[in-house]
């Protein structure tokens, strides 16, 4: 049985998966700014203002469902993979699954192969072309330690006596079996990357989905997209894009998202 635990300074169980994500305290430097006056003190006209794109993170699980005549973009998280994404179009009139032939484990309860869906919504009337953005990504060693489990009837609980005193244990997953339990947590940073992502286009008032999938054997975290630029139809030069951040749901409220590798995928409670 898998249990999710809250440790000091952590928020966030989401999407009913019974596990939680690690939040670090940092501000959102990508929030859109109000129009600024030019050197003559005049306010920019709407055509001169930067286009705005809203970003939302949603917790999901494999396989990725790609609707008919839609395209999904897959970012496979690996330390040796710092550029490019996989474009998966679905030209048919039927639902397409990625990876093709994916089968859920037959164990009960089946472990959740968690992924994140990053939805980029164009709030302008004009199509954005050659959208470029950067996602900061970090990979961590995974450490573990045995814990004592107390059983009360049909419920089991494990105690982490120093959770708040060790800054490395900011997100953890506990696996229990009878009176034995193991805490898995993020250790030292293995590598850090600024992954470059390119999206061909986002239609006016349209959206695209970028799926982040952990394909490593490490714990990984990633931030909001940064340094977003695009070609606006009718303009000859690339323009900066203002990022709008939604704080409606629990995943939206997090500043940093995290994913465990498949071999540590937690099961629903």
Protein backbone atom coordinates (compact mmCIF):
# COMPACT_ATOMS: atom_id res chain seq x y z
CA UNK A 1 0.00 0.00 0.00
CA UNK A 2 1.26 3.43 -0.92
CA UNK A 3 0.64 6.42 1.29
CA UNK A 4 1.27 10.08 0.58
CA UNK A 5 2.78 12.23 3.31
CA UNK A 6 2.94 15.93 3.98
CA UNK A 7 6.36 17.13 5.13
CA UNK A 8 7.37 20.57 6.41
CA UNK A 9 6.92 23.39 3.90
CA UNK A 10 5.03 21.28 1.36
CA UNK A 11 1.63 21.78 -0.22
CA UNK A 12 -0.42 20.04 -2.67
CA UNK A 13 -2.16 16.63 -3.15
CA UNK A 14 -3.98 16.90 -6.48
CA UNK A 15 -6.31 15.14 -8.92
CA UNK A 16 -7.32 12.40 -6.47
CA UNK A 17 -4.15 10.41 -7.05
CA UNK A 18 -3.27 10.37 -3.33
CA UNK A 19 0.17 11.76 -3.78
CA UNK A 20 1.60 15.27 -3.45
CA UNK A 21 4.03 17.51 -5.09
CA UNK A 22 6.97 19.48 -3.91
CA UNK A 23 6.68 23.29 -3.77
CA UNK A 24 9.69 25.56 -3.38
CA UNK A 25 9.20 29.14 -2.28
CA UNK A 26 9.86 31.33 -5.29
CA UNK A 27 8.02 34.10 -7.04
CA UNK A 28 6.53 34.03 -10.49
CA UNK A 29 8.77 36.29 -12.47
CA UNK A 30 6.83 35.55 -15.64
CA UNK A 31 3.63 37.32 -14.63
CA UNK A 32 2.39 39.77 -17.29
CA UNK A 33 3.13 43.40 -16.71
CA UNK A 34 0.75 46.30 -17.38
CA UNK A 35 1.37 48.39 -20.49
CA UNK A 36 4.27 50.77 -20.05
CA UNK A 37 4.52 54.28 -21.42
CA UNK A 38 7.03 55.05 -24.16
CA UNK A 39 9.71 57.73 -24.00
CA UNK A 40 7.14 60.41 -24.79
CA UNK A 41 4.89 59.20 -21.97
CA UNK A 42 2.34 57.69 -24.35
CA UNK A 43 0.69 54.36 -23.59
CA UNK A 44 1.21 51.55 -26.05
CA UNK A 45 -1.69 50.79 -28.36
CA UNK A 46 -3.21 47.27 -28.31
CA UNK A 47 -1.33 46.33 -31.50
CA UNK A 48 1.96 47.25 -29.80
CA UNK A 49 1.32 45.28 -26.63
CA UNK A 50 2.81 41.81 -26.27
CA UNK A 51 0.47 38.89 -26.99
CA UNK A 52 -0.71 36.98 -23.91
CA UNK A 53 -0.67 33.21 -23.37
CA UNK A 54 -2.19 31.49 -20.33
CA UNK A 55 -0.38 28.43 -18.97
CA UNK A 56 -2.11 25.76 -16.91
CA UNK A 57 -0.67 22.55 -15.49
CA UNK A 58 -2.96 19.53 -15.09
CA UNK A 59 -2.09 16.21 -13.45
CA UNK A 60 -2.80 13.18 -15.61
CA UNK A 61 -1.62 9.66 -16.27
CA UNK A 62 -0.50 7.49 -19.15
CA UNK A 63 -1.55 6.84 -21.81
CA UNK A 64 -2.00 10.26 -23.44
CA UNK A 65 -5.37 10.53 -25.21
CA UNK A 66 -5.12 12.45 -28.49
CA UNK A 67 -8.50 13.46 -29.93
CA UNK A 68 -9.36 13.07 -33.62
CA UNK A 69 -7.61 15.58 -35.92
CA UNK A 70 -5.61 16.99 -32.99
CA UNK A 71 -1.86 17.07 -32.29
CA UNK A 72 -0.10 16.43 -28.99
CA UNK A 73 3.44 17.46 -28.10
CA UNK A 74 5.42 15.15 -25.81
CA UNK A 75 8.40 16.27 -23.73
CA UNK A 76 10.24 13.19 -22.45
CA UNK A 77 12.22 14.14 -19.35
CA UNK A 78 15.72 12.65 -19.43
CA UNK A 79 19.09 14.12 -18.33
CA UNK A 80 20.54 13.60 -21.82
CA UNK A 81 17.55 15.16 -23.59
CA UNK A 82 17.70 18.96 -23.44
CA UNK A 83 16.23 19.95 -26.79
CA UNK A 84 13.35 18.98 -29.03
CA UNK A 85 9.98 17.42 -28.36
CA UNK A 86 7.94 14.70 -30.05
CA UNK A 87 5.04 15.84 -32.24
CA UNK A 88 2.24 13.27 -32.37
CA UNK A 89 -0.52 14.16 -34.86
CA UNK A 90 -3.78 12.22 -35.04
CA UNK A 91 -5.10 12.56 -38.62
CA UNK A 92 -7.79 9.93 -38.08
CA UNK A 93 -11.37 10.28 -36.85
CA UNK A 94 -10.71 7.98 -33.89
CA UNK A 95 -8.99 8.47 -30.53
CA UNK A 96 -5.22 7.88 -30.60
CA UNK A 97 -3.22 6.69 -27.58
CA UNK A 98 0.43 7.50 -26.85
CA UNK A 99 2.54 5.46 -26.42
CA UNK A 100 0.90 3.21 -29.00
CA UNK A 101 0.12 -0.20 -27.57
CA UNK A 102 0.39 1.05 -23.98
CA UNK A 103 -1.22 -1.30 -21.47
CA UNK A 104 -1.87 -0.46 -17.86
CA UNK A 105 -0.31 -2.80 -15.25
CA UNK A 106 -2.61 -5.63 -14.16
CA UNK A 107 -1.67 -5.32 -10.49
CA UNK A 108 -4.44 -4.16 -8.13
CA UNK A 109 -4.57 -1.38 -7.33
CA UNK A 110 -2.79 -0.39 -10.54
CA UNK A 111 0.02 2.15 -10.04
CA UNK A 112 -0.59 5.61 -11.46
CA UNK A 113 1.88 6.49 -14.23
CA UNK A 114 1.60 10.19 -13.51
CA UNK A 115 2.34 12.86 -16.11
CA UNK A 116 1.70 16.59 -16.42
CA UNK A 117 -0.24 18.32 -19.18
CA UNK A 118 0.90 21.88 -19.84
CA UNK A 119 -1.89 23.75 -21.65
CA UNK A 120 -0.87 26.90 -23.54
CA UNK A 121 -3.88 29.06 -24.47
CA UNK A 122 -3.63 31.99 -26.88
CA UNK A 123 -5.88 34.79 -25.57
CA UNK A 124 -5.39 36.98 -28.65
CA UNK A 125 -7.18 37.14 -31.98
CA UNK A 126 -4.01 36.57 -34.01
CA UNK A 127 -2.28 33.26 -34.64
CA UNK A 128 1.16 32.80 -33.03
CA UNK A 129 3.78 31.08 -35.18
CA UNK A 130 7.04 29.34 -34.24
CA UNK A 131 6.38 29.62 -30.52
CA UNK A 132 9.62 29.18 -28.58
CA UNK A 133 9.88 28.63 -24.83
CA UNK A 134 12.26 27.27 -22.20
CA UNK A 135 11.34 24.97 -19.29
CA UNK A 136 13.87 24.74 -16.42
CA UNK A 137 14.27 21.09 -15.37
CA UNK A 138 16.21 19.44 -12.53
CA UNK A 139 17.01 15.78 -11.88
CA UNK A 140 17.66 14.38 -8.40
CA UNK A 141 19.06 11.19 -6.94
CA UNK A 142 16.47 9.14 -5.11
CA UNK A 143 17.28 8.18 -1.53
CA UNK A 144 15.44 5.91 0.82
CA UNK A 145 15.27 5.05 4.50
CA UNK A 146 13.34 2.50 6.57
CA UNK A 147 10.53 3.76 8.80
CA UNK A 148 8.61 2.33 11.69
CA UNK A 149 4.95 1.62 10.97
CA UNK A 150 2.19 1.66 13.56
CA UNK A 151 -0.91 -0.39 12.77
CA UNK A 152 -4.28 0.58 14.25
CA UNK A 153 -6.93 -1.86 13.09
CA UNK A 154 -6.92 -1.72 9.29
CA UNK A 155 -4.97 1.55 9.11
CA UNK A 156 -1.19 1.84 8.99
CA UNK A 157 0.81 5.00 9.57
CA UNK A 158 4.50 5.79 9.36
CA UNK A 159 6.31 8.51 11.28
CA UNK A 160 9.06 10.74 9.87
CA UNK A 161 10.56 12.33 13.01
CA UNK A 162 12.91 14.79 11.28
CA UNK A 163 10.93 15.72 8.16
CA UNK A 164 10.90 19.41 8.95
CA UNK A 165 14.60 19.60 9.84
CA UNK A 166 16.10 18.09 6.68
CA UNK A 167 15.76 20.50 3.71
CA UNK A 168 16.28 17.64 1.22
CA UNK A 169 13.10 15.88 2.29
CA UNK A 170 10.58 18.28 0.80
CA UNK A 171 8.68 15.68 -1.15
CA UNK A 172 8.46 12.02 -0.33
CA UNK A 173 6.55 8.86 -1.01
CA UNK A 174 6.14 6.08 1.54
CA UNK A 175 5.70 2.46 0.57
CA UNK A 176 4.32 0.25 3.32
CA UNK A 177 3.96 -3.50 3.62
CA UNK A 178 2.66 -4.83 6.89
CA UNK A 179 4.78 -3.30 9.64
CA UNK A 180 7.58 -2.28 7.25
CA UNK A 181 7.81 1.03 5.43
CA UNK A 182 10.31 2.80 3.21
CA UNK A 183 10.53 6.52 2.62
CA UNK A 184 11.68 7.58 -0.85
CA UNK A 185 12.76 11.21 -1.18
CA UNK A 186 14.73 13.57 -3.38
CA UNK A 187 18.48 13.61 -2.73
CA UNK A 188 21.27 15.60 -4.38
CA UNK A 189 20.85 17.34 -7.73
CA UNK A 190 22.27 15.24 -10.57
CA UNK A 191 21.86 17.81 -13.34
CA UNK A 192 19.96 20.97 -14.30
CA UNK A 193 18.81 21.95 -17.77
CA UNK A 194 16.91 24.65 -19.64
CA UNK A 195 14.95 22.54 -22.10
CA UNK A 196 14.17 24.32 -25.36
CA UNK A 197 10.68 23.70 -26.74
CA UNK A 198 9.32 24.81 -30.13
CA UNK A 199 5.59 24.74 -30.97
CA UNK A 200 4.73 25.34 -34.67
CA UNK A 201 1.65 27.49 -34.00
CA UNK A 202 -1.19 28.39 -31.63
CA UNK A 203 -4.34 29.64 -33.34
CA UNK A 204 -6.06 32.80 -32.16
CA UNK A 205 -8.11 31.86 -29.08
CA UNK A 206 -6.77 28.33 -29.52
CA UNK A 207 -4.65 26.11 -27.30
CA UNK A 208 -2.04 23.38 -27.53
CA UNK A 209 -1.09 20.64 -25.06
CA UNK A 210 2.48 19.79 -24.07
CA UNK A 211 2.75 16.56 -22.04
CA UNK A 212 5.69 16.12 -19.66
CA UNK A 213 6.61 12.48 -19.05
CA UNK A 214 9.43 11.30 -16.78
CA UNK A 215 11.46 8.79 -18.82
CA UNK A 216 14.41 8.65 -16.41
CA UNK A 217 15.10 6.65 -13.24
CA UNK A 218 15.49 9.92 -11.29
CA UNK A 219 13.11 12.26 -9.51
CA UNK A 220 12.55 15.37 -11.63
CA UNK A 221 11.07 18.83 -11.09
CA UNK A 222 10.23 21.54 -13.61
CA UNK A 223 9.18 25.17 -13.46
CA UNK A 224 6.86 27.40 -15.42
CA UNK A 225 7.80 28.03 -19.04
CA UNK A 226 10.15 30.96 -19.47
CA UNK A 227 11.49 33.21 -22.24
CA UNK A 228 8.45 32.74 -24.48
CA UNK A 229 8.68 34.37 -27.91
CA UNK A 230 6.75 33.96 -31.17
CA UNK A 231 6.11 35.38 -34.61
CA UNK A 232 2.79 37.18 -34.73
CA UNK A 233 0.99 36.96 -38.08
CA UNK A 234 1.55 40.30 -39.81
CA UNK A 235 4.80 41.10 -37.94
CA UNK A 236 8.28 40.55 -39.34
CA UNK A 237 10.10 40.26 -36.00
CA UNK A 238 9.77 37.89 -33.07
CA UNK A 239 7.95 39.30 -30.07
CA UNK A 240 8.00 38.47 -26.38
CA UNK A 241 4.88 36.75 -25.06
CA UNK A 242 3.33 37.69 -21.72
CA UNK A 243 2.66 34.65 -19.57
CA UNK A 244 -0.62 34.52 -17.66
CA UNK A 245 -0.64 32.10 -14.73
CA UNK A 246 -3.88 30.51 -13.53
CA UNK A 247 -4.24 29.77 -9.80
CA UNK A 248 -7.63 28.07 -9.95
CA UNK A 249 -6.70 24.46 -9.13
CA UNK A 250 -4.11 22.85 -6.84
CA UNK A 251 -1.63 22.12 -9.68
CA UNK A 252 -2.03 25.71 -10.91
CA UNK A 253 -1.13 27.04 -7.45
CA UNK A 254 2.22 25.23 -7.39
CA UNK A 255 5.34 27.07 -8.50
CA UNK A 256 7.28 23.86 -9.20
CA UNK A 257 5.94 20.49 -10.39
CA UNK A 258 7.56 17.11 -9.80
CA UNK A 259 7.39 13.57 -11.16
CA UNK A 260 8.71 10.26 -9.82
CA UNK A 261 10.00 7.60 -12.19
CA UNK A 262 7.68 4.76 -13.18
CA UNK A 263 9.25 2.25 -10.78
CA UNK A 264 8.15 4.45 -7.86
CA UNK A 265 4.72 5.34 -9.22
CA UNK A 266 2.29 5.50 -6.30
CA UNK A 267 -1.04 3.68 -6.32
CA UNK A 268 -4.39 5.32 -5.58
CA UNK A 269 -5.36 5.29 -1.90
